[in-house]
N, C-alpha and C. Protein backbone atom coordinates (compact mmCIF):
# COMPACT_ATOMS: atom_id res chain seq x y z
N MET A 1 0.83 -1.25 -0.04
CA MET A 1 -0.12 0.08 0.03
C MET A 1 0.86 1.24 0.07
N MET A 2 0.65 2.06 -0.79
CA MET A 2 1.52 3.31 -1.02
C MET A 2 0.61 4.58 -0.56
N LYS A 3 0.62 4.83 0.62
CA LYS A 3 -0.07 6.05 1.11
C LYS A 3 0.99 7.11 1.20
N GLY A 4 0.51 8.33 0.71
CA GLY A 4 1.25 9.53 0.92
C GLY A 4 2.51 9.46 -0.02
N ARG A 5 2.72 8.64 -0.91
CA ARG A 5 3.85 8.62 -1.83
C ARG A 5 3.44 9.17 -3.08
N ILE A 6 4.50 9.77 -3.68
CA ILE A 6 4.32 10.33 -5.03
C ILE A 6 4.68 9.38 -6.23
N LYS A 7 3.64 9.17 -7.07
CA LYS A 7 4.05 8.29 -8.04
C LYS A 7 4.35 9.11 -9.46
N TYR A 8 5.06 8.46 -10.30
CA TYR A 8 5.21 9.09 -11.61
C TYR A 8 4.56 8.20 -12.62
N SER A 9 3.79 8.71 -13.49
CA SER A 9 3.02 7.89 -14.47
C SER A 9 4.09 7.65 -15.59
N SER A 10 3.61 6.87 -16.49
CA SER A 10 4.61 6.69 -17.77
C SER A 10 4.69 7.95 -18.63
N SER A 11 3.85 8.87 -18.50
CA SER A 11 4.01 10.09 -19.35
C SER A 11 4.95 11.08 -18.53
N GLY A 12 5.19 10.79 -17.32
CA GLY A 12 6.20 11.72 -16.57
C GLY A 12 5.26 12.79 -15.63
N ASP A 13 4.07 12.62 -15.53
CA ASP A 13 3.20 13.50 -14.89
C ASP A 13 3.25 13.04 -13.29
N LEU A 14 3.11 13.95 -12.40
CA LEU A 14 3.11 13.68 -11.10
C LEU A 14 1.70 13.24 -10.61
N GLU A 15 1.55 12.13 -9.83
CA GLU A 15 0.23 11.65 -9.33
C GLU A 15 0.36 11.59 -7.82
N GLU A 16 -0.56 12.12 -7.11
CA GLU A 16 -0.56 11.78 -5.62
C GLU A 16 -1.64 10.78 -5.24
N THR A 17 -1.15 9.86 -4.35
CA THR A 17 -2.33 8.94 -3.97
C THR A 17 -3.26 9.57 -3.01
N ILE A 18 -4.45 9.08 -3.08
CA ILE A 18 -5.67 9.71 -2.24
C ILE A 18 -5.79 8.92 -0.98
N ILE A 19 -5.82 9.46 0.10
CA ILE A 19 -6.02 8.81 1.56
C ILE A 19 -7.46 8.81 1.63
N ASN A 20 -8.06 7.54 1.98
CA ASN A 20 -9.35 7.39 2.26
C ASN A 20 -9.81 7.83 3.75
N LEU A 21 -10.49 8.96 3.87
CA LEU A 21 -10.77 9.19 5.34
C LEU A 21 -12.09 8.77 5.80
N THR A 22 -12.87 7.97 5.17
CA THR A 22 -14.33 7.52 5.52
C THR A 22 -14.10 6.70 6.82
N PRO A 23 -13.07 5.76 6.98
CA PRO A 23 -13.01 5.00 8.22
C PRO A 23 -12.73 5.86 9.37
N LEU A 24 -11.96 6.88 9.34
CA LEU A 24 -11.67 7.83 10.33
C LEU A 24 -13.01 8.66 10.78
N ILE A 25 -13.61 9.03 9.83
CA ILE A 25 -14.81 9.76 9.94
C ILE A 25 -15.97 8.74 10.72
N ASP A 26 -15.97 7.53 10.30
CA ASP A 26 -16.86 6.55 10.93
C ASP A 26 -16.55 6.47 12.40
N VAL A 27 -15.30 6.35 12.71
CA VAL A 27 -14.88 6.13 14.20
C VAL A 27 -15.20 7.37 15.05
N VAL A 28 -14.93 8.47 14.47
CA VAL A 28 -15.25 9.82 15.20
C VAL A 28 -16.71 9.90 15.43
N PHE A 29 -17.58 9.43 14.44
CA PHE A 29 -18.99 9.50 14.67
C PHE A 29 -19.46 8.59 15.67
N VAL A 30 -18.87 7.35 15.74
CA VAL A 30 -19.21 6.25 16.78
C VAL A 30 -18.86 6.72 18.18
N VAL A 31 -17.70 7.44 18.26
CA VAL A 31 -17.21 7.90 19.53
C VAL A 31 -18.21 9.05 19.91
N LEU A 32 -18.55 10.01 19.11
CA LEU A 32 -19.44 11.06 19.39
C LEU A 32 -20.88 10.64 19.82
N ILE A 33 -21.41 9.63 19.09
CA ILE A 33 -22.68 9.02 19.50
C ILE A 33 -22.53 8.49 20.76
N THR A 34 -21.56 7.58 21.18
CA THR A 34 -21.35 6.97 22.36
C THR A 34 -21.37 8.04 23.58
N PHE A 35 -20.63 9.17 23.40
CA PHE A 35 -20.66 10.14 24.43
C PHE A 35 -21.99 10.80 24.54
N ILE A 36 -22.75 11.03 23.52
CA ILE A 36 -24.13 11.56 23.58
C ILE A 36 -24.98 10.56 24.29
N LEU A 37 -24.91 9.31 24.15
CA LEU A 37 -25.82 8.31 24.77
C LEU A 37 -25.44 8.27 26.35
N VAL A 38 -24.02 8.35 26.53
CA VAL A 38 -23.57 7.97 27.98
C VAL A 38 -23.70 9.15 28.90
N ALA A 39 -23.65 10.43 28.39
CA ALA A 39 -23.48 11.64 29.27
C ALA A 39 -24.80 11.89 30.03
N PRO A 40 -26.05 11.54 29.72
CA PRO A 40 -27.20 11.63 30.59
C PRO A 40 -27.17 10.68 31.68
N LEU A 41 -26.34 9.61 31.67
CA LEU A 41 -26.33 8.46 32.64
C LEU A 41 -25.35 8.81 33.73
N LEU A 42 -24.45 9.73 33.56
CA LEU A 42 -23.40 10.09 34.47
C LEU A 42 -24.11 10.79 35.61
N GLU A 43 -23.61 10.29 36.74
CA GLU A 43 -24.00 10.94 38.03
C GLU A 43 -22.97 11.84 38.47
N ILE A 44 -23.48 13.08 38.60
CA ILE A 44 -22.53 14.16 38.95
C ILE A 44 -22.91 14.75 40.34
N ASN A 45 -21.92 14.88 41.30
CA ASN A 45 -22.43 15.45 42.68
C ASN A 45 -22.38 17.03 42.50
N HIS A 46 -23.20 17.56 43.23
CA HIS A 46 -23.14 19.03 43.17
C HIS A 46 -23.26 19.56 44.65
N VAL A 47 -22.80 20.81 44.74
CA VAL A 47 -22.69 21.42 46.03
C VAL A 47 -23.62 22.65 45.92
N ASP A 48 -24.70 22.69 46.80
CA ASP A 48 -25.70 23.82 46.83
C ASP A 48 -24.84 24.91 47.65
N LEU A 49 -24.82 26.21 47.08
CA LEU A 49 -24.05 27.24 47.76
C LEU A 49 -25.18 28.02 48.67
N ALA A 50 -24.76 28.41 49.84
CA ALA A 50 -25.58 29.05 50.75
C ALA A 50 -25.61 30.56 50.30
N MET A 51 -26.61 31.37 50.81
CA MET A 51 -26.49 32.71 50.67
C MET A 51 -25.49 33.37 51.47
N SER A 52 -24.98 34.51 50.97
CA SER A 52 -24.00 35.08 51.55
C SER A 52 -24.56 35.85 52.87
N GLY A 53 -23.76 35.96 53.94
CA GLY A 53 -24.20 36.68 55.02
C GLY A 53 -23.63 36.07 56.21
N GLU A 54 -22.88 36.63 57.14
CA GLU A 54 -22.36 36.10 58.40
C GLU A 54 -23.43 35.80 59.31
N GLN A 55 -24.62 36.53 59.53
CA GLN A 55 -25.53 36.23 60.52
C GLN A 55 -26.30 34.95 60.03
N GLN A 56 -26.55 34.78 58.88
CA GLN A 56 -27.20 33.57 58.50
C GLN A 56 -26.23 32.35 58.80
N ALA A 57 -25.04 32.48 58.39
CA ALA A 57 -24.13 31.30 58.64
C ALA A 57 -24.06 31.00 60.07
N HIS A 58 -23.83 31.98 60.97
CA HIS A 58 -23.83 31.96 62.46
C HIS A 58 -24.99 31.13 63.02
N SER A 59 -26.19 31.67 62.43
CA SER A 59 -27.56 30.96 63.06
C SER A 59 -27.51 29.62 62.66
N GLN A 60 -27.10 29.19 61.44
CA GLN A 60 -27.07 27.78 61.02
C GLN A 60 -25.98 27.08 61.77
N LEU A 61 -24.90 27.65 62.22
CA LEU A 61 -23.90 26.91 62.96
C LEU A 61 -24.43 26.48 64.33
N VAL A 62 -25.20 27.34 64.99
CA VAL A 62 -25.73 27.14 66.30
C VAL A 62 -26.86 26.00 66.23
N LYS A 63 -27.54 25.86 65.17
CA LYS A 63 -28.70 24.83 65.12
C LYS A 63 -28.11 23.47 64.91
N SER A 64 -27.08 23.20 64.22
CA SER A 64 -26.72 21.82 63.97
C SER A 64 -26.16 21.14 65.17
N LYS A 65 -26.52 19.92 65.38
CA LYS A 65 -25.82 19.14 66.51
C LYS A 65 -24.97 18.11 66.01
N VAL A 66 -25.00 17.76 64.81
CA VAL A 66 -23.91 16.73 64.14
C VAL A 66 -22.94 17.59 63.40
N CYS A 67 -21.65 17.62 64.17
CA CYS A 67 -20.66 18.47 63.55
C CYS A 67 -19.49 17.41 63.34
N ILE A 68 -18.98 17.40 62.12
CA ILE A 68 -17.88 16.46 61.68
C ILE A 68 -16.75 17.40 61.33
N TYR A 69 -15.65 17.17 61.94
CA TYR A 69 -14.48 17.99 61.77
C TYR A 69 -13.30 16.99 61.12
N VAL A 70 -12.90 17.55 60.06
CA VAL A 70 -11.61 16.89 59.44
C VAL A 70 -10.32 17.87 59.74
N LYS A 71 -9.48 17.47 60.52
CA LYS A 71 -8.30 18.14 60.91
C LYS A 71 -7.25 18.20 59.84
N GLU A 72 -6.19 19.03 60.07
CA GLU A 72 -5.08 19.10 59.14
C GLU A 72 -4.46 17.63 58.85
N ASP A 73 -4.38 16.87 59.96
CA ASP A 73 -3.67 15.67 59.96
C ASP A 73 -4.55 14.64 59.51
N ASN A 74 -5.77 14.91 58.84
CA ASN A 74 -6.89 14.02 58.32
C ASN A 74 -7.44 13.12 59.49
N THR A 75 -7.52 13.55 60.68
CA THR A 75 -8.18 12.76 61.57
C THR A 75 -9.59 13.35 61.51
N ILE A 76 -10.53 12.46 61.91
CA ILE A 76 -11.93 12.72 61.90
C ILE A 76 -12.55 12.79 63.19
N TRP A 77 -13.14 13.93 63.49
CA TRP A 77 -13.76 14.20 64.85
C TRP A 77 -15.19 14.32 64.72
N LEU A 78 -16.01 13.66 65.53
CA LEU A 78 -17.38 13.84 65.57
C LEU A 78 -17.91 14.46 66.88
N ASN A 79 -18.51 15.77 66.79
CA ASN A 79 -18.67 16.54 68.06
C ASN A 79 -17.59 16.49 69.07
N ASN A 80 -16.27 16.80 68.47
CA ASN A 80 -15.21 16.92 69.41
C ASN A 80 -14.76 15.65 69.94
N ARG A 81 -15.05 14.46 69.26
CA ARG A 81 -14.57 13.16 69.76
C ARG A 81 -14.02 12.56 68.52
N LEU A 82 -12.80 11.91 68.85
CA LEU A 82 -12.02 11.33 67.74
C LEU A 82 -12.76 10.00 67.43
N VAL A 83 -12.90 9.84 65.98
CA VAL A 83 -13.70 8.49 65.57
C VAL A 83 -12.87 8.15 64.38
N GLY A 84 -13.15 6.73 64.14
CA GLY A 84 -12.63 6.12 62.85
C GLY A 84 -13.85 6.17 61.92
N VAL A 85 -13.66 5.65 60.72
CA VAL A 85 -14.80 5.63 59.59
C VAL A 85 -15.82 4.82 60.07
N LYS A 86 -15.49 3.58 60.57
CA LYS A 86 -16.60 2.61 61.12
C LYS A 86 -17.47 3.26 62.16
N GLU A 87 -16.62 3.81 63.15
CA GLU A 87 -17.30 4.47 64.31
C GLU A 87 -18.23 5.57 63.83
N LEU A 88 -17.69 6.37 62.83
CA LEU A 88 -18.50 7.43 62.20
C LEU A 88 -19.86 7.06 61.52
N VAL A 89 -19.74 6.00 60.91
CA VAL A 89 -21.03 5.48 60.37
C VAL A 89 -21.91 5.17 61.34
N ALA A 90 -21.50 4.25 62.31
CA ALA A 90 -22.39 3.86 63.43
C ALA A 90 -23.04 4.97 64.22
N ALA A 91 -22.23 5.92 64.59
CA ALA A 91 -22.75 7.06 65.32
C ALA A 91 -23.59 7.93 64.48
N LEU A 92 -23.38 8.08 63.19
CA LEU A 92 -24.34 8.89 62.22
C LEU A 92 -25.69 8.10 62.14
N LYS A 93 -25.53 6.77 62.00
CA LYS A 93 -26.89 5.93 61.99
C LYS A 93 -27.63 6.18 63.26
N GLU A 94 -27.06 6.27 64.33
CA GLU A 94 -27.66 6.51 65.57
C GLU A 94 -28.23 7.87 65.69
N TRP A 95 -27.53 8.90 65.15
CA TRP A 95 -28.15 10.26 65.15
C TRP A 95 -29.30 10.39 64.08
N LYS A 96 -29.12 9.60 63.09
CA LYS A 96 -30.21 9.51 62.11
C LYS A 96 -31.58 8.98 62.55
N LYS A 97 -31.40 7.87 63.40
CA LYS A 97 -32.38 7.18 64.12
C LYS A 97 -33.28 8.19 65.11
N ASN A 98 -32.39 8.80 65.91
CA ASN A 98 -32.87 9.66 66.98
C ASN A 98 -33.59 10.99 66.40
N VAL A 99 -32.75 11.63 65.46
CA VAL A 99 -33.13 12.94 65.12
C VAL A 99 -33.06 12.92 63.53
N PRO A 100 -34.16 12.48 62.83
CA PRO A 100 -34.07 12.31 61.40
C PRO A 100 -34.00 13.56 60.58
N THR A 101 -34.33 14.66 61.10
CA THR A 101 -34.30 15.79 60.26
C THR A 101 -33.06 16.62 60.41
N GLU A 102 -32.07 16.24 61.14
CA GLU A 102 -30.79 16.82 61.43
C GLU A 102 -29.90 16.70 60.21
N VAL A 103 -29.27 17.79 59.72
CA VAL A 103 -28.37 17.80 58.65
C VAL A 103 -26.95 17.91 59.24
N PRO A 104 -26.10 16.87 58.78
CA PRO A 104 -24.70 16.88 59.38
C PRO A 104 -23.87 18.14 58.76
N MET A 105 -22.94 18.67 59.56
CA MET A 105 -22.20 19.72 59.13
C MET A 105 -20.66 19.22 59.02
N LEU A 106 -19.98 19.46 57.92
CA LEU A 106 -18.69 19.04 57.82
C LEU A 106 -17.75 20.24 57.80
N PHE A 107 -16.89 20.26 58.59
CA PHE A 107 -15.76 21.37 58.77
C PHE A 107 -14.44 20.77 58.31
N HIS A 108 -14.00 20.97 57.14
CA HIS A 108 -12.89 20.23 56.52
C HIS A 108 -11.70 21.29 56.47
N ASP A 109 -10.58 20.83 57.01
CA ASP A 109 -9.33 21.81 56.92
C ASP A 109 -8.83 21.69 55.65
N LYS A 110 -8.36 22.90 55.29
CA LYS A 110 -7.83 23.18 53.86
C LYS A 110 -6.72 22.33 53.58
N LYS A 111 -5.94 21.87 54.63
CA LYS A 111 -4.86 20.94 54.31
C LYS A 111 -5.05 19.53 54.29
N GLY A 112 -6.52 19.24 54.72
CA GLY A 112 -6.82 17.79 54.55
C GLY A 112 -6.99 17.25 53.27
N TYR A 113 -6.92 15.98 53.10
CA TYR A 113 -6.90 15.29 51.83
C TYR A 113 -8.30 15.28 51.33
N PHE A 114 -8.38 15.22 50.00
CA PHE A 114 -9.69 15.06 49.36
C PHE A 114 -10.17 13.76 49.69
N GLY A 115 -9.46 12.79 49.81
CA GLY A 115 -9.69 11.30 50.08
C GLY A 115 -10.48 11.28 51.29
N THR A 116 -10.19 12.03 52.33
CA THR A 116 -10.78 12.02 53.73
C THR A 116 -12.11 12.58 53.59
N TYR A 117 -12.28 13.76 52.76
CA TYR A 117 -13.67 14.29 52.58
C TYR A 117 -14.53 13.09 51.89
N GLN A 118 -14.07 12.46 50.94
CA GLN A 118 -14.80 11.44 50.27
C GLN A 118 -15.10 10.28 51.24
N LEU A 119 -14.35 9.98 52.14
CA LEU A 119 -14.70 8.90 53.09
C LEU A 119 -15.84 9.41 54.03
N VAL A 120 -15.72 10.65 54.40
CA VAL A 120 -16.72 11.23 55.30
C VAL A 120 -18.17 11.37 54.53
N LYS A 121 -18.02 11.76 53.37
CA LYS A 121 -19.30 11.80 52.50
C LYS A 121 -19.83 10.64 52.23
N ASN A 122 -19.08 9.52 51.96
CA ASN A 122 -19.65 8.19 51.80
C ASN A 122 -20.20 7.60 53.26
N SER A 123 -19.62 7.93 54.19
CA SER A 123 -20.19 7.61 55.57
C SER A 123 -21.39 8.19 55.95
N VAL A 124 -21.59 9.38 55.51
CA VAL A 124 -22.93 10.24 55.63
C VAL A 124 -24.01 9.51 54.96
N GLU A 125 -23.56 9.41 53.57
CA GLU A 125 -24.57 8.71 52.73
C GLU A 125 -24.97 7.26 53.19
N SER A 126 -24.07 6.42 53.62
CA SER A 126 -24.42 5.15 54.19
C SER A 126 -25.16 5.24 55.38
N ALA A 127 -24.95 6.33 56.19
CA ALA A 127 -25.90 6.42 57.30
C ALA A 127 -27.33 6.73 57.02
N GLY A 128 -27.62 7.19 55.75
CA GLY A 128 -28.98 7.45 55.38
C GLY A 128 -29.35 8.93 55.17
N TYR A 129 -28.33 9.75 55.30
CA TYR A 129 -28.60 11.18 55.10
C TYR A 129 -28.52 11.43 53.63
N GLU A 130 -29.48 12.40 53.27
CA GLU A 130 -29.51 12.85 51.81
C GLU A 130 -28.73 14.15 51.58
N HIS A 131 -28.47 14.87 52.73
CA HIS A 131 -27.83 16.24 52.60
C HIS A 131 -26.77 16.21 53.59
N MET A 132 -25.65 17.12 53.29
CA MET A 132 -24.60 17.47 54.14
C MET A 132 -24.19 18.84 53.89
N ASP A 133 -23.85 19.62 54.92
CA ASP A 133 -23.57 20.96 54.72
C ASP A 133 -21.89 21.00 54.89
N VAL A 134 -21.26 21.55 53.97
CA VAL A 134 -19.77 21.68 54.05
C VAL A 134 -19.38 23.23 54.31
N ILE A 135 -18.82 23.37 55.59
CA ILE A 135 -18.57 24.71 56.06
C ILE A 135 -17.00 24.96 55.72
N VAL A 136 -16.85 26.04 54.95
CA VAL A 136 -15.48 26.54 54.78
C VAL A 136 -15.15 27.88 55.40
N LYS A 137 -14.20 27.83 56.18
CA LYS A 137 -13.80 29.16 56.99
C LYS A 137 -13.05 29.96 56.11
N PRO A 138 -13.33 31.28 56.13
CA PRO A 138 -12.58 32.23 55.35
C PRO A 138 -11.02 32.38 55.98
N GLN A 139 -10.24 32.86 55.16
CA GLN A 139 -8.75 32.97 55.64
C GLN A 139 -8.72 33.98 56.71
C-alpha cells in the first residue's frame, strides 16, 4: 500500500495517492454518539451554595448538633470526639435514628486530603442522610 507517496506515471506527470478518510470519520461518529448516549447517565455530585451573610451562617452553625471535623492531619472528629470511619458510620446511623431531620455539618481543614472528605461523604450517605453541609472558613 503506497499512502502518501508520489508516483510518476509513464508520461512523466506527477500523481498523488488519495487517502481514504471514511473509516476515520466513521470512528469519530461512533465515539461522538457513544458520548451523547452515556452523558445523561453520568451521576454528578453538586454542592448547593448558601446565601452570603455572616448572620445566616452563624445562626445555622448554632442549630446543627451533628458536626464532623476533618483536621489538618486527616483525623475525623464527631462532635469533638476522635472517631474512625466505622465508628463514624455507626454514630451517624444512631443520630439519624434519633433525630431524622438533622443535617450533618462538615468542617474540613484546607490541608486535609480530598480522600478524607470522600470517606466522610460516603459515611454520611451510608448512614442514610441525603444532605450534608460543608462549612469553609475564610482566611
